[in-house]
């Protein structure tokens, strides 16, 4: 009689909002970062996840000011990506 089918999902359905943002850093030389261990040159994700991109990038700026001595760069900020995506 009546053929009931579930509605098809809309092609423009919204994706779920990101749950967190992770900073990615480019390391230029071998670094010994205490509890984080030894980090080798390349692109690496930071250990923390932040609720917004603005908070993640603000933390990265402060962290790099603390880590890099004046006039030298051991590490640089690549970008903040949603959790689950990667920079490389």
C-alpha atoms as a PDB file:
ATOM      1  CA  UNK A   1       0.000   0.000   0.000  1.00  0.00           C
ATOM      2  CA  UNK A   2       2.014   2.905   1.276  1.00  0.00           C
ATOM      3  CA  UNK A   3       5.695   2.624   0.629  1.00  0.00           C
ATOM      4  CA  UNK A   4       7.363   4.678   3.383  1.00  0.00           C
ATOM      5  CA  UNK A   5      11.025   5.440   2.794  1.00  0.00           C
ATOM      6  CA  UNK A   6      13.290   7.481   5.037  1.00  0.00           C
ATOM      7  CA  UNK A   7      14.029  10.912   3.558  1.00  0.00           C
ATOM      8  CA  UNK A   8      17.303  11.231   1.688  1.00  0.00           C
ATOM      9  CA  UNK A   9      19.874  13.489   3.340  1.00  0.00           C
ATOM     10  CA  UNK A  10      20.068  16.958   1.862  1.00  0.00           C
ATOM     11  CA  UNK A  11      23.126  17.494  -0.353  1.00  0.00           C
ATOM     12  CA  UNK A  12      23.909  20.697   1.520  1.00  0.00           C
ATOM     13  CA  UNK A  13      23.652  19.159   5.001  1.00  0.00           C
ATOM     14  CA  UNK A  14      25.789  20.915   7.578  1.00  0.00           C
ATOM     15  CA  UNK A  15      28.855  19.164   8.916  1.00  0.00           C
ATOM     16  CA  UNK A  16      29.408  18.828  12.630  1.00  0.00           C
ATOM     17  CA  UNK A  17      31.359  21.709  14.191  1.00  0.00           C
ATOM     18  CA  UNK A  18      34.987  21.043  15.010  1.00  0.00           C
ATOM     19  CA  UNK A  19      35.611  19.879  18.536  1.00  0.00           C
ATOM     20  CA  UNK A  20      39.056  21.397  18.852  1.00  0.00           C
ATOM     21  CA  UNK A  21      42.000  23.050  17.165  1.00  0.00           C
ATOM     22  CA  UNK A  22      45.599  21.845  17.308  1.00  0.00           C
ATOM     23  CA  UNK A  23      48.694  23.932  16.543  1.00  0.00           C
ATOM     24  CA  UNK A  24      51.314  22.619  14.161  1.00  0.00           C
ATOM     25  CA  UNK A  25      54.914  23.757  14.375  1.00  0.00           C
ATOM     26  CA  UNK A  26      57.897  23.551  12.019  1.00  0.00           C
ATOM     27  CA  UNK A  27      61.020  22.512  13.934  1.00  0.00           C
ATOM     28  CA  UNK A  28      64.366  23.590  12.459  1.00  0.00           C
ATOM     29  CA  UNK A  29      66.803  21.702  14.714  1.00  0.00           C
ATOM     30  CA  UNK A  30      66.758  18.880  17.252  1.00  0.00           C
ATOM     31  CA  UNK A  31      65.169  20.131  20.486  1.00  0.00           C
ATOM     32  CA  UNK A  32      64.934  18.534  23.921  1.00  0.00           C
ATOM     33  CA  UNK A  33      61.619  19.788  25.326  1.00  0.00           C
ATOM     34  CA  UNK A  34      61.608  18.252  28.787  1.00  0.00           C
ATOM     35  CA  UNK A  35      58.424  16.253  29.373  1.00  0.00           C
ATOM     36  CA  UNK A  36      57.601  16.265  25.632  1.00  0.00           C
ATOM     37  CA  UNK A  37      60.873  14.492  24.832  1.00  0.00           C
ATOM     38  CA  UNK A  38      63.174  15.013  21.880  1.00  0.00           C
ATOM     39  CA  UNK A  39      61.692  16.632  18.783  1.00  0.00           C
ATOM     40  CA  UNK A  40      63.419  16.268  15.422  1.00  0.00           C
ATOM     41  CA  UNK A  41      63.248  18.671  12.428  1.00  0.00           C
ATOM     42  CA  UNK A  42      59.971  18.596  10.501  1.00  0.00           C
ATOM     43  CA  UNK A  43      56.332  19.521  11.106  1.00  0.00           C
ATOM     44  CA  UNK A  44      54.811  18.357  14.386  1.00  0.00           C
ATOM     45  CA  UNK A  45      51.461  18.792  16.115  1.00  0.00           C
ATOM     46  CA  UNK A  46      51.348  20.473  19.499  1.00  0.00           C
ATOM     47  CA  UNK A  47      50.256  18.549  22.597  1.00  0.00           C
ATOM     48  CA  UNK A  48      47.231  20.724  23.431  1.00  0.00           C
ATOM     49  CA  UNK A  49      43.791  21.045  21.831  1.00  0.00           C
ATOM     50  CA  UNK A  50      41.975  24.404  22.023  1.00  0.00           C
ATOM     51  CA  UNK A  51      38.255  25.219  21.644  1.00  0.00           C
ATOM     52  CA  UNK A  52      38.814  27.879  18.944  1.00  0.00           C
ATOM     53  CA  UNK A  53      41.333  28.798  16.270  1.00  0.00           C
ATOM     54  CA  UNK A  54      41.963  32.214  17.849  1.00  0.00           C
ATOM     55  CA  UNK A  55      42.899  30.685  21.203  1.00  0.00           C
ATOM     56  CA  UNK A  56      45.188  28.146  19.535  1.00  0.00           C
ATOM     57  CA  UNK A  57      47.055  30.773  17.511  1.00  0.00           C
ATOM     58  CA  UNK A  58      47.347  33.100  20.527  1.00  0.00           C
ATOM     59  CA  UNK A  59      48.890  30.325  22.595  1.00  0.00           C
ATOM     60  CA  UNK A  60      51.308  29.521  19.748  1.00  0.00           C
ATOM     61  CA  UNK A  61      52.525  33.141  19.602  1.00  0.00           C
ATOM     62  CA  UNK A  62      53.217  33.188  23.346  1.00  0.00           C
ATOM     63  CA  UNK A  63      54.884  29.777  23.285  1.00  0.00           C
ATOM     64  CA  UNK A  64      57.231  30.759  20.450  1.00  0.00           C
ATOM     65  CA  UNK A  65      58.206  34.011  22.177  1.00  0.00           C
ATOM     66  CA  UNK A  66      59.159  31.982  25.217  1.00  0.00           C
ATOM     67  CA  UNK A  67      61.008  29.274  23.261  1.00  0.00           C
ATOM     68  CA  UNK A  68      62.915  31.206  20.582  1.00  0.00           C
ATOM     69  CA  UNK A  69      65.783  33.403  21.818  1.00  0.00           C
ATOM     70  CA  UNK A  70      66.042  36.913  20.302  1.00  0.00           C
ATOM     71  CA  UNK A  71      67.294  36.770  16.719  1.00  0.00           C
ATOM     72  CA  UNK A  72      67.163  32.954  16.425  1.00  0.00           C
ATOM     73  CA  UNK A  73      64.435  30.546  15.395  1.00  0.00           C
ATOM     74  CA  UNK A  74      64.298  26.962  16.645  1.00  0.00           C
ATOM     75  CA  UNK A  75      60.615  26.519  15.886  1.00  0.00           C
ATOM     76  CA  UNK A  76      57.984  28.335  13.809  1.00  0.00           C
ATOM     77  CA  UNK A  77      54.162  28.192  13.818  1.00  0.00           C
ATOM     78  CA  UNK A  78      52.667  26.603  10.683  1.00  0.00           C
ATOM     79  CA  UNK A  79      48.943  26.996  11.457  1.00  0.00           C
ATOM     80  CA  UNK A  80      46.115  25.778  13.667  1.00  0.00           C
ATOM     81  CA  UNK A  81      44.049  22.992  12.103  1.00  0.00           C
ATOM     82  CA  UNK A  82      40.770  21.387  13.235  1.00  0.00           C
ATOM     83  CA  UNK A  83      41.265  18.219  15.211  1.00  0.00           C
ATOM     84  CA  UNK A  84      41.476  15.262  12.853  1.00  0.00           C
ATOM     85  CA  UNK A  85      43.146  17.190  10.021  1.00  0.00           C
ATOM     86  CA  UNK A  86      46.922  17.393   9.697  1.00  0.00           C
ATOM     87  CA  UNK A  87      49.400  19.901   8.334  1.00  0.00           C
ATOM     88  CA  UNK A  88      51.482  17.331   6.467  1.00  0.00           C
END
